[in-house]
C-alpha atoms as a PDB file:
ATOM      1  CA  MET A   1      93.284  68.206 102.060  1.00  0.00           C
ATOM      2  CA  PRO A   2      95.173  68.171 104.526  1.00  0.00           C
ATOM      3  CA  PHE A   3      97.850  70.262 103.483  1.00  0.00           C
ATOM      4  CA  SER A   4     101.679  69.840 104.407  1.00  0.00           C
ATOM      5  CA  HIS A   5     102.564  72.856 105.839  1.00  0.00           C
ATOM      6  CA  GLY A   6     105.030  74.342 108.864  1.00  0.00           C
ATOM      7  CA  TYR A   7     103.087  75.512 111.620  1.00  0.00           C
ATOM      8  CA  ALA A   8     102.895  74.693 115.528  1.00  0.00           C
ATOM      9  CA  PHE A   9      99.207  73.861 115.055  1.00  0.00           C
ATOM     10  CA  ASP A  10      96.306  72.198 112.564  1.00  0.00           C
ATOM     11  CA  PRO A  11      94.941  75.159 110.276  1.00  0.00           C
ATOM     12  CA  SER A  12      92.128  72.888 110.117  1.00  0.00           C
ATOM     13  CA  TYR A  13      91.596  72.661 113.932  1.00  0.00           C
ATOM     14  CA  GLY A  14      90.610  69.042 113.896  1.00  0.00           C
ATOM     15  CA  PHE A  15      86.724  70.494 112.083  1.00  0.00           C
ATOM     16  CA  ASP A  16      85.483  68.447 109.148  1.00  0.00           C
ATOM     17  CA  LEU A  17      82.941  70.051 107.167  1.00  0.00           C
ATOM     18  CA  GLU A  18      80.166  68.917 109.044  1.00  0.00           C
ATOM     19  CA  ARG A  19      80.820  70.345 112.429  1.00  0.00           C
ATOM     20  CA  LEU A  20      81.892  73.524 110.512  1.00  0.00           C
ATOM     21  CA  LEU A  21      78.350  74.078 109.369  1.00  0.00           C
ATOM     22  CA  ALA A  22      76.885  73.674 112.768  1.00  0.00           C
ATOM     23  CA  ILE A  23      78.812  76.074 114.323  1.00  0.00           C
ATOM     24  CA  ALA A  24      76.312  78.872 116.058  1.00  0.00           C
ATOM     25  CA  PRO A  25      77.265  82.178 116.660  1.00  0.00           C
ATOM     26  CA  PRO A  26      77.959  83.127 120.501  1.00  0.00           C
ATOM     27  CA  GLN A  27      74.887  85.152 122.669  1.00  0.00           C
ATOM     28  CA  GLU A  28      75.100  88.725 122.195  1.00  0.00           C
ATOM     29  CA  PRO A  29      74.950  91.494 124.514  1.00  0.00           C
ATOM     30  CA  ASP A  30      71.620  92.704 125.552  1.00  0.00           C
ATOM     31  CA  ASP A  31      72.273  96.558 123.934  1.00  0.00           C
ATOM     32  CA  PHE A  32      74.199  94.877 120.966  1.00  0.00           C
ATOM     33  CA  THR A  33      71.258  96.314 118.281  1.00  0.00           C
ATOM     34  CA  ALA A  34      70.895  99.381 120.005  1.00  0.00           C
ATOM     35  CA  PHE A  35      74.930  99.966 119.817  1.00  0.00           C
ATOM     36  CA  TRP A  36      74.785  99.398 116.283  1.00  0.00           C
ATOM     37  CA  ARG A  37      71.947 101.475 114.827  1.00  0.00           C
ATOM     38  CA  ALA A  38      73.515 104.298 117.052  1.00  0.00           C
ATOM     39  CA  ARG A  39      76.858 104.205 115.512  1.00  0.00           C
ATOM     40  CA  LEU A  40      75.362 103.849 111.599  1.00  0.00           C
ATOM     41  CA  GLU A  41      73.032 106.916 112.574  1.00  0.00           C
ATOM     42  CA  ARG A  42      76.184 108.955 113.458  1.00  0.00           C
ATOM     43  CA  ALA A  43      77.810 107.333 110.717  1.00  0.00           C
ATOM     44  CA  LEU A  44      74.968 108.733 108.311  1.00  0.00           C
ATOM     45  CA  ARG A  45      75.081 112.830 109.628  1.00  0.00           C
ATOM     46  CA  VAL A  46      78.496 112.644 108.681  1.00  0.00           C
ATOM     47  CA  GLU A  47      80.143 115.402 105.910  1.00  0.00           C
ATOM     48  CA  THR A  48      82.104 113.435 103.680  1.00  0.00           C
ATOM     49  CA  ASN A  49      83.454 116.361 101.622  1.00  0.00           C
ATOM     50  CA  PRO A  50      85.309 113.985  98.692  1.00  0.00           C
ATOM     51  CA  ARG A  51      87.906 115.259  96.632  1.00  0.00           C
ATOM     52  CA  LEU A  52      88.910 113.624  94.131  1.00  0.00           C
ATOM     53  CA  SER A  53      92.263 113.819  91.559  1.00  0.00           C
ATOM     54  CA  THR A  54      93.473 112.021  88.508  1.00  0.00           C
ATOM     55  CA  SER A  55      95.453 108.842  89.514  1.00  0.00           C
ATOM     56  CA  THR A  56      98.849 107.771  88.333  1.00  0.00           C
ATOM     57  CA  LEU A  57      97.412 103.992  87.925  1.00  0.00           C
ATOM     58  CA  VAL A  58      96.174 103.128  84.819  1.00  0.00           C
ATOM     59  CA  ASP A  59      93.786 100.314  84.568  1.00  0.00           C
ATOM     60  CA  PRO A  60      93.025  98.656  80.918  1.00  0.00           C
ATOM     61  CA  HIS A  61      88.839  99.032  81.827  1.00  0.00           C
ATOM     62  CA  PHE A  62      88.449 101.491  84.051  1.00  0.00           C
ATOM     63  CA  ARG A  63      89.592 104.882  85.023  1.00  0.00           C
ATOM     64  CA  VAL A  64      91.423 105.247  88.068  1.00  0.00           C
ATOM     65  CA  ILE A  65      90.573 108.389  90.524  1.00  0.00           C
ATOM     66  CA  ASP A  66      92.656 108.944  93.601  1.00  0.00           C
ATOM     67  CA  LEU A  67      89.749 109.615  96.508  1.00  0.00           C
ATOM     68  CA  GLN A  68      90.023 111.433  99.644  1.00  0.00           C
ATOM     69  CA  TYR A  69      87.029 111.383 102.012  1.00  0.00           C
ATOM     70  CA  ARG A  70      85.737 112.456 105.754  1.00  0.00           C
ATOM     71  CA  SER A  71      84.991 108.966 107.795  1.00  0.00           C
ATOM     72  CA  THR A  72      83.401 109.519 111.597  1.00  0.00           C
ATOM     73  CA  ASP A  73      85.564 111.525 114.272  1.00  0.00           C
ATOM     74  CA  GLY A  74      87.291 113.680 111.555  1.00  0.00           C
ATOM     75  CA  PHE A  75      89.453 110.798 109.996  1.00  0.00           C
ATOM     76  CA  GLN A  76      90.609 110.847 106.160  1.00  0.00           C
ATOM     77  CA  ILE A  77      89.863 108.136 104.425  1.00  0.00           C
ATOM     78  CA  GLY A  78      92.615 107.526 101.128  1.00  0.00           C
ATOM     79  CA  GLY A  79      91.213 104.848  98.251  1.00  0.00           C
ATOM     80  CA  TRP A  80      90.284 104.969  95.125  1.00  0.00           C
ATOM     81  CA  LEU A  81      87.674 105.386  92.189  1.00  0.00           C
ATOM     82  CA  LEU A  82      87.548 102.911  89.963  1.00  0.00           C
ATOM     83  CA  ILE A  83      84.898 103.994  87.168  1.00  0.00           C
ATOM     84  CA  PRO A  84      84.071 101.534  84.211  1.00  0.00           C
ATOM     85  CA  MET A  85      85.331 102.908  80.356  1.00  0.00           C
ATOM     86  CA  HIS A  86      83.713 100.366  78.171  1.00  0.00           C
ATOM     87  CA  ALA A  87      80.521 100.067  79.817  1.00  0.00           C
ATOM     88  CA  ASP A  88      77.582 101.967  81.242  1.00  0.00           C
ATOM     89  CA  ILE A  89      77.624 102.268  85.004  1.00  0.00           C
ATOM     90  CA  ARG A  90      74.640 100.185  86.330  1.00  0.00           C
ATOM     91  CA  ARG A  91      75.904  98.590  90.368  1.00  0.00           C
ATOM     92  CA  GLY A  92      78.214 100.512  92.541  1.00  0.00           C
ATOM     93  CA  ILE A  93      80.304  98.430  94.375  1.00  0.00           C
ATOM     94  CA  LEU A  94      82.583  99.001  97.582  1.00  0.00           C
ATOM     95  CA  LEU A  95      85.401  96.807  98.302  1.00  0.00           C
ATOM     96  CA  GLY A  96      86.986  95.688 101.734  1.00  0.00           C
ATOM     97  CA  HIS A  97      90.588  95.131 101.623  1.00  0.00           C
ATOM     98  CA  GLY A  98      93.044  92.621 103.982  1.00  0.00           C
ATOM     99  CA  TYR A  99      94.929  93.207 106.526  1.00  0.00           C
ATOM    100  CA  GLY A 100      97.701  93.448 104.966  1.00  0.00           C
ATOM    101  CA  GLY A 101      96.503  96.825 103.757  1.00  0.00           C
ATOM    102  CA  ILE A 102      96.006  98.079 100.276  1.00  0.00           C
ATOM    103  CA  ASP A 103      98.590 100.099  98.026  1.00  0.00           C
ATOM    104  CA  ARG A 104      96.154  99.659  94.574  1.00  0.00           C
ATOM    105  CA  PRO A 105      92.983  98.845  93.269  1.00  0.00           C
ATOM    106  CA  PRO A 106      92.413  94.941  92.684  1.00  0.00           C
ATOM    107  CA  ILE A 107      92.462  93.896  88.878  1.00  0.00           C
ATOM    108  CA  SER A 108      90.513  90.768  89.267  1.00  0.00           C
ATOM    109  CA  LEU A 109      86.996  92.384  89.729  1.00  0.00           C
ATOM    110  CA  PRO A 110      83.799  90.598  89.158  1.00  0.00           C
ATOM    111  CA  ARG A 111      81.741  92.996  87.023  1.00  0.00           C
ATOM    112  CA  GLN A 112      83.112  95.744  84.183  1.00  0.00           C
ATOM    113  CA  ASP A 113      79.631  97.805  84.405  1.00  0.00           C
ATOM    114  CA  CYS A 114      80.588  99.152  88.213  1.00  0.00           C
ATOM    115  CA  VAL A 115      82.006 101.836  89.699  1.00  0.00           C
ATOM    116  CA  TYR A 116      84.388 100.641  92.519  1.00  0.00           C
ATOM    117  CA  LEU A 117      84.398 102.516  95.613  1.00  0.00           C
ATOM    118  CA  VAL A 118      88.255 100.536  97.334  1.00  0.00           C
ATOM    119  CA  PRO A 119      88.383 102.591 100.521  1.00  0.00           C
ATOM    120  CA  CYS A 120      91.306 102.158 102.704  1.00  0.00           C
ATOM    121  CA  PHE A 121      90.332 101.339 106.416  1.00  0.00           C
ATOM    122  CA  ARG A 122      91.742 103.739 108.775  1.00  0.00           C
ATOM    123  CA  GLY A 123      94.743 103.968 109.819  1.00  0.00           C
ATOM    124  CA  LEU A 124      95.847 101.355 107.133  1.00  0.00           C
ATOM    125  CA  SER A 125      97.330 102.075 103.822  1.00  0.00           C
ATOM    126  CA  LEU A 126      96.320 105.415 102.295  1.00  0.00           C
ATOM    127  CA  SER A 127      94.692 106.094 106.155  1.00  0.00           C
ATOM    128  CA  ARG A 128      97.357 105.376 107.733  1.00  0.00           C
ATOM    129  CA  ARG A 129      97.614 108.276 110.651  1.00  0.00           C
ATOM    130  CA  PRO A 130      99.883 108.149 113.387  1.00  0.00           C
ATOM    131  CA  PRO A 131      99.853 106.921 116.662  1.00  0.00           C
ATOM    132  CA  ILE A 132      97.799 103.871 114.967  1.00  0.00           C
ATOM    133  CA  SER A 133     100.906 101.441 113.974  1.00  0.00           C
ATOM    134  CA  GLU A 134      99.890  99.900 110.175  1.00  0.00           C
ATOM    135  CA  ASP A 135     101.204  96.578 111.772  1.00  0.00           C
ATOM    136  CA  PRO A 136      98.457  94.481 112.279  1.00  0.00           C
ATOM    137  CA  ASN A 137      99.354  92.657 115.247  1.00  0.00           C
ATOM    138  CA  TRP A 138      99.255  95.867 116.416  1.00  0.00           C
ATOM    139  CA  HIS A 139      96.344  97.753 114.419  1.00  0.00           C
ATOM    140  CA  VAL A 140      93.927  95.344 115.541  1.00  0.00           C
ATOM    141  CA  LEU A 141      94.587  95.951 119.864  1.00  0.00           C
ATOM    142  CA  HIS A 142      94.273  99.588 119.205  1.00  0.00           C
ATOM    143  CA  ASP A 143      91.807 100.828 122.023  1.00  0.00           C
ATOM    144  CA  ILE A 144      90.569  97.932 122.192  1.00  0.00           C
ATOM    145  CA  GLN A 145      89.665  98.521 126.165  1.00  0.00           C
ATOM    146  CA  SER A 146      86.563 100.743 124.584  1.00  0.00           C
ATOM    147  CA  PRO A 147      83.740  99.080 122.370  1.00  0.00           C
ATOM    148  CA  ASN A 148      83.008 102.984 121.787  1.00  0.00           C
ATOM    149  CA  ARG A 149      86.299 103.853 120.653  1.00  0.00           C
ATOM    150  CA  TYR A 150      87.750 100.350 119.167  1.00  0.00           C
ATOM    151  CA  ILE A 151      89.427 100.874 115.851  1.00  0.00           C
ATOM    152  CA  ILE A 152      87.595  97.859 114.411  1.00  0.00           C
ATOM    153  CA  GLY A 153      84.173 100.001 114.836  1.00  0.00           C
ATOM    154  CA  GLY A 154      85.883 102.956 113.480  1.00  0.00           C
ATOM    155  CA  CYS A 155      86.475 100.691 110.276  1.00  0.00           C
ATOM    156  CA  VAL A 156      82.816  99.439 110.103  1.00  0.00           C
ATOM    157  CA  GLU A 157      82.111 103.689 109.786  1.00  0.00           C
ATOM    158  CA  ASP A 158      84.511 103.800 107.083  1.00  0.00           C
ATOM    159  CA  ILE A 159      82.290 101.306 104.989  1.00  0.00           C
ATOM    160  CA  TRP A 160      79.124 103.162 105.497  1.00  0.00           C
ATOM    161  CA  THR A 161      80.218 106.634 104.944  1.00  0.00           C
ATOM    162  CA  GLY A 162      82.112 105.303 101.921  1.00  0.00           C
ATOM    163  CA  VAL A 163      78.524 104.086 100.700  1.00  0.00           C
ATOM    164  CA  SER A 164      77.717 107.658 101.399  1.00  0.00           C
ATOM    165  CA  VAL A 165      80.034 109.020  98.932  1.00  0.00           C
ATOM    166  CA  LEU A 166      79.427 106.534  96.751  1.00  0.00           C
ATOM    167  CA  LEU A 167      76.105 107.600  96.256  1.00  0.00           C
ATOM    168  CA  ASP A 168      76.497 111.200  96.635  1.00  0.00           C
ATOM    169  CA  LEU A 169      79.102 110.749  93.504  1.00  0.00           C
ATOM    170  CA  PHE A 170      76.942 108.334  91.335  1.00  0.00           C
ATOM    171  CA  PRO A 171      73.078 109.120  92.623  1.00  0.00           C
ATOM    172  CA  GLU A 172      72.113 106.754  89.581  1.00  0.00           C
ATOM    173  CA  VAL A 173      73.003 103.324  91.520  1.00  0.00           C
ATOM    174  CA  GLN A 174      70.845 103.769  94.704  1.00  0.00           C
ATOM    175  CA  GLY A 175      69.207 100.592  95.249  1.00  0.00           C
ATOM    176  CA  HIS A 176      72.045  99.081  93.267  1.00  0.00           C
ATOM    177  CA  VAL A 177      75.088  99.026  95.640  1.00  0.00           C
ATOM    178  CA  GLY A 178      77.032  95.602  96.745  1.00  0.00           C
ATOM    179  CA  TYR A 179      79.828  95.434  98.743  1.00  0.00           C
ATOM    180  CA  ALA A 180      82.512  92.656  98.820  1.00  0.00           C
ATOM    181  CA  GLY A 181      84.894  92.271 101.852  1.00  0.00           C
ATOM    182  CA  ILE A 182      88.169  89.568 102.296  1.00  0.00           C
ATOM    183  CA  SER A 183      89.675  88.580 105.261  1.00  0.00           C
ATOM    184  CA  LEU A 184      89.462  92.058 107.510  1.00  0.00           C
ATOM    185  CA  GLY A 185      87.612  93.764 104.913  1.00  0.00           C
ATOM    186  CA  GLY A 186      85.156  90.086 104.685  1.00  0.00           C
ATOM    187  CA  GLY A 187      84.420  90.712 108.874  1.00  0.00           C
ATOM    188  CA  LEU A 188      83.836  94.375 108.942  1.00  0.00           C
ATOM    189  CA  GLY A 189      81.565  93.910 105.884  1.00  0.00           C
ATOM    190  CA  ALA A 190      79.474  91.491 108.281  1.00  0.00           C
ATOM    191  CA  MET A 191      79.453  93.752 110.480  1.00  0.00           C
ATOM    192  CA  ALA A 192      78.369  97.007 108.184  1.00  0.00           C
ATOM    193  CA  MET A 193      75.990  95.119 106.198  1.00  0.00           C
ATOM    194  CA  ALA A 194      73.780  93.909 109.566  1.00  0.00           C
ATOM    195  CA  TRP A 195      72.703  97.716 109.832  1.00  0.00           C
ATOM    196  CA  ASP A 196      72.817  99.340 106.739  1.00  0.00           C
ATOM    197  CA  ALA A 197      69.858  98.836 103.980  1.00  0.00           C
ATOM    198  CA  ARG A 198      71.679 100.983 101.198  1.00  0.00           C
ATOM    199  CA  ILE A 199      73.771  97.508 100.596  1.00  0.00           C
ATOM    200  CA  GLY A 200      71.935  95.753  98.592  1.00  0.00           C
ATOM    201  CA  ARG A 201      73.935  92.251  98.864  1.00  0.00           C
ATOM    202  CA  GLY A 202      77.181  91.667  99.917  1.00  0.00           C
ATOM    203  CA  HIS A 203      80.070  89.082  99.183  1.00  0.00           C
ATOM    204  CA  LEU A 204      82.707  88.028 102.444  1.00  0.00           C
ATOM    205  CA  ASN A 205      85.739  86.531 101.426  1.00  0.00           C
ATOM    206  CA  VAL A 206      87.326  84.134 104.349  1.00  0.00           C
ATOM    207  CA  PRO A 207      85.744  86.744 106.813  1.00  0.00           C
ATOM    208  CA  THR A 208      87.134  87.460 110.270  1.00  0.00           C
ATOM    209  CA  PHE A 209      85.911  88.301 113.870  1.00  0.00           C
ATOM    210  CA  GLY A 210      83.543  85.726 113.562  1.00  0.00           C
ATOM    211  CA  HIS A 211      82.901  83.655 117.306  1.00  0.00           C
ATOM    212  CA  GLN A 212      85.567  85.925 119.030  1.00  0.00           C
ATOM    213  CA  PRO A 213      84.768  83.521 122.363  1.00  0.00           C
ATOM    214  CA  LEU A 214      85.896  80.832 119.856  1.00  0.00           C
ATOM    215  CA  ARG A 215      88.963  82.312 118.547  1.00  0.00           C
ATOM    216  CA  LEU A 216      90.160  83.129 121.356  1.00  0.00           C
ATOM    217  CA  LYS A 217      90.601  79.413 122.444  1.00  0.00           C
ATOM    218  CA  LEU A 218      92.541  78.970 118.206  1.00  0.00           C
ATOM    219  CA  PRO A 219      96.211  79.626 117.778  1.00  0.00           C
ATOM    220  CA  SER A 220      96.852  81.608 114.444  1.00  0.00           C
ATOM    221  CA  ALA A 221      99.515  83.116 112.536  1.00  0.00           C
ATOM    222  CA  GLY A 222      97.484  86.350 112.180  1.00  0.00           C
ATOM    223  CA  SER A 223      95.662  89.429 114.222  1.00  0.00           C
ATOM    224  CA  ALA A 224      93.760  87.084 116.260  1.00  0.00           C
ATOM    225  CA  GLU A 225      96.935  85.690 118.126  1.00  0.00           C
ATOM    226  CA  SER A 226      98.087  89.250 119.260  1.00  0.00           C
ATOM    227  CA  VAL A 227      93.966  89.502 120.892  1.00  0.00           C
ATOM    228  CA  ARG A 228      94.778  86.284 122.545  1.00  0.00           C
ATOM    229  CA  ASP A 229      98.124  87.515 123.707  1.00  0.00           C
ATOM    230  CA  PHE A 230      96.253  90.508 124.661  1.00  0.00           C
ATOM    231  CA  VAL A 231      93.663  88.684 126.691  1.00  0.00           C
ATOM    232  CA  ASN A 232      96.180  85.908 128.471  1.00  0.00           C
ATOM    233  CA  ASP A 233      98.133  89.141 129.500  1.00  0.00           C
ATOM    234  CA  ARG A 234      95.586  90.387 131.112  1.00  0.00           C
ATOM    235  CA  GLY A 235      93.189  87.904 132.252  1.00  0.00           C
ATOM    236  CA  ARG A 236      89.994  89.280 131.178  1.00  0.00           C
ATOM    237  CA  VAL A 237      88.403  89.766 127.928  1.00  0.00           C
ATOM    238  CA  PRO A 238      88.231  93.240 126.404  1.00  0.00           C
ATOM    239  CA  ASN A 239      84.155  94.345 126.163  1.00  0.00           C
ATOM    240  CA  ALA A 240      84.663  95.654 123.158  1.00  0.00           C
ATOM    241  CA  LEU A 241      84.896  91.987 121.690  1.00  0.00           C
ATOM    242  CA  ARG A 242      81.316  91.314 122.217  1.00  0.00           C
ATOM    243  CA  TYR A 243      80.361  93.903 120.056  1.00  0.00           C
ATOM    244  CA  MET A 244      83.144  93.110 117.062  1.00  0.00           C
ATOM    245  CA  ASP A 245      81.575  89.439 116.225  1.00  0.00           C
ATOM    246  CA  ALA A 246      80.723  89.212 113.003  1.00  0.00           C
ATOM    247  CA  ALA A 247      78.755  85.949 113.609  1.00  0.00           C
ATOM    248  CA  ILE A 248      76.729  88.024 115.871  1.00  0.00           C
ATOM    249  CA  ALA A 249      76.261  90.651 113.490  1.00  0.00           C
ATOM    250  CA  ALA A 250      75.331  88.657 110.826  1.00  0.00           C
ATOM    251  CA  ARG A 251      72.328  87.125 112.257  1.00  0.00           C
ATOM    252  CA  TYR A 252      71.052  90.462 111.402  1.00  0.00           C
ATOM    253  CA  ILE A 253      71.805  90.237 107.690  1.00  0.00           C
ATOM    254  CA  ARG A 254      69.460  90.703 105.041  1.00  0.00           C
ATOM    255  CA  GLN A 255      70.517  91.012 101.848  1.00  0.00           C
ATOM    256  CA  PRO A 256      71.457  88.409  99.675  1.00  0.00           C
ATOM    257  CA  MET A 257      74.708  86.829 100.436  1.00  0.00           C
ATOM    258  CA  HIS A 258      77.944  85.092  98.841  1.00  0.00           C
ATOM    259  CA  ILE A 259      80.393  83.677 100.995  1.00  0.00           C
ATOM    260  CA  ALA A 260      83.740  81.755 100.779  1.00  0.00           C
ATOM    261  CA  ALA A 261      84.750  80.199 103.543  1.00  0.00           C
ATOM    262  CA  ALA A 262      87.980  77.548 104.255  1.00  0.00           C
ATOM    263  CA  ARG A 263      88.437  74.547 105.621  1.00  0.00           C
ATOM    264  CA  PHE A 264      92.475  75.602 106.537  1.00  0.00           C
ATOM    265  CA  ASP A 265      93.240  78.621 106.985  1.00  0.00           C
ATOM    266  CA  PRO A 266      96.190  79.278 109.753  1.00  0.00           C
ATOM    267  CA  VAL A 267      95.424  83.608 109.583  1.00  0.00           C
ATOM    268  CA  VAL A 268      91.525  83.226 110.209  1.00  0.00           C
ATOM    269  CA  PRO A 269      90.891  80.157 111.453  1.00  0.00           C
ATOM    270  CA  PRO A 270      87.978  78.542 109.588  1.00  0.00           C
ATOM    271  CA  PRO A 271      85.434  78.117 112.451  1.00  0.00           C
ATOM    272  CA  GLY A 272      84.872  81.704 112.957  1.00  0.00           C
ATOM    273  CA  GLN A 273      84.484  82.062 109.180  1.00  0.00           C
ATOM    274  CA  PHE A 274      81.759  79.249 109.134  1.00  0.00           C
ATOM    275  CA  ALA A 275      79.743  80.965 112.063  1.00  0.00           C
ATOM    276  CA  VAL A 276      79.726  83.753 109.991  1.00  0.00           C
ATOM    277  CA  TYR A 277      77.995  82.050 107.234  1.00  0.00           C
ATOM    278  CA  ASN A 278      75.870  79.996 109.463  1.00  0.00           C
ATOM    279  CA  ALA A 279      74.346  82.830 111.338  1.00  0.00           C
ATOM    280  CA  ILE A 280      72.707  84.497 108.040  1.00  0.00           C
ATOM    281  CA  PRO A 281      69.358  83.544 108.219  1.00  0.00           C
ATOM    282  CA  GLY A 282      68.179  84.525 104.783  1.00  0.00           C
ATOM    283  CA  ASP A 283      69.519  84.261 101.189  1.00  0.00           C
ATOM    284  CA  LYS A 284      72.974  83.014 101.203  1.00  0.00           C
ATOM    285  CA  ARG A 285      74.940  80.961  98.725  1.00  0.00           C
ATOM    286  CA  LEU A 286      78.545  79.070  99.956  1.00  0.00           C
ATOM    287  CA  MET A 287      81.907  78.265  98.215  1.00  0.00           C
ATOM    288  CA  VAL A 288      83.652  76.010 100.347  1.00  0.00           C
ATOM    289  CA  LEU A 289      87.363  77.001  99.380  1.00  0.00           C
ATOM    290  CA  GLN A 290      90.536  74.416 100.128  1.00  0.00           C
ATOM    291  CA  ALA A 291      92.284  76.846 101.687  1.00  0.00           C
ATOM    292  CA  GLY A 292      92.589  80.594 102.681  1.00  0.00           C
ATOM    293  CA  HIS A 293      96.153  82.598 103.345  1.00  0.00           C
ATOM    294  CA  PHE A 294      97.723  79.857 102.091  1.00  0.00           C
ATOM    295  CA  ASP A 295      99.468  78.888  98.551  1.00  0.00           C
ATOM    296  CA  TYR A 296      98.188  75.215  97.572  1.00  0.00           C
ATOM    297  CA  PRO A 297      97.473  73.267  93.991  1.00  0.00           C
ATOM    298  CA  ASP A 298      93.806  74.325  93.269  1.00  0.00           C
ATOM    299  CA  ARG A 299      94.137  78.425  94.703  1.00  0.00           C
ATOM    300  CA  VAL A 300      93.930  80.155  91.112  1.00  0.00           C
ATOM    301  CA  GLY A 301      91.354  77.476  89.705  1.00  0.00           C
ATOM    302  CA  GLU A 302      89.602  78.051  93.061  1.00  0.00           C
ATOM    303  CA  ALA A 303      89.956  82.260  92.249  1.00  0.00           C
ATOM    304  CA  ARG A 304      88.536  82.298  88.998  1.00  0.00           C
ATOM    305  CA  GLU A 305      85.273  79.784  90.090  1.00  0.00           C
ATOM    306  CA  LEU A 306      85.364  82.339  92.949  1.00  0.00           C
ATOM    307  CA  VAL A 307      85.392  85.103  90.281  1.00  0.00           C
ATOM    308  CA  SER A 308      82.497  83.590  88.015  1.00  0.00           C
ATOM    309  CA  GLN A 309      80.367  82.765  90.811  1.00  0.00           C
ATOM    310  CA  LEU A 310      80.327  86.610  91.949  1.00  0.00           C
ATOM    311  CA  TRP A 311      79.694  87.816  88.040  1.00  0.00           C
ATOM    312  CA  SER A 312      76.457  86.177  88.098  1.00  0.00           C
ATOM    313  CA  PHE A 313      75.757  86.852  92.195  1.00  0.00           C
ATOM    314  CA  PHE A 314      75.929  90.497  91.544  1.00  0.00           C
ATOM    315  CA  ALA A 315      74.157  90.584  88.375  1.00  0.00           C
ATOM    316  CA  PRO A 316      70.426  91.529  90.081  1.00  0.00           C
ATOM    317  CA  LEU A 317      71.940  94.554  91.983  1.00  0.00           C
END
């Protein structure tokens, strides 16, 4: 720190660690909790009808199963189940991917005694469906004019219905379910965990959607820049953004949480990441990364340390 880069802006945004740890979430809409609790109730009523088939993918530690299930609005979600081959199932973890999509399950997993459910969020990768664009810069704008139809809220519901699938297929993990999400999946995870007590603890890695008013002031190389352009072109902030704010949602998280937040990140501005961590009121731990969405000399070492921390963090599940 600081890193040499070719961006036209400073990916640390001039915030030192002290300032990052002082960022508070924005004011929430009066009906924020009612809005989200109604969505959760609707998602819990969905008949997910999971369909499983043997995958062509091979993993030395897990049996890989191709998965499809039904989410809200009849949306078919594709993804994978990873079932441990050399350990008893003691817990279940749902994994949330980033905005680059996902073409196969991750190989760096915190524990081998878990069954993992890896969904592709609606409109992306195995859950692609026209006319939704897979390009993050367009996906993030899909139905942004409506809080009830905005695709980001639907992606949160894909997590909730995914938890339902996990519990239906593996009832022994009830009370032992975790969540781990990165970037897009990190922000969605904060919004999902705020209301769903079935998830016992969670990890958010460089979470996006934190502190929407502040995000709109900060240039980036990520999907948030498309939202900034949209707002600047129309001269007003879509009401949906007030509800899809991971930092506001984090105030309602009651589960133990592990957050990895970066001090330098050209794609997800660090102030938004730290706003999510700061807003969590209870048991939480923080791993400060030198950078996110950026290659740097210590990246591999920090990734190893993160997996080690998560092995311990998820052990009490």
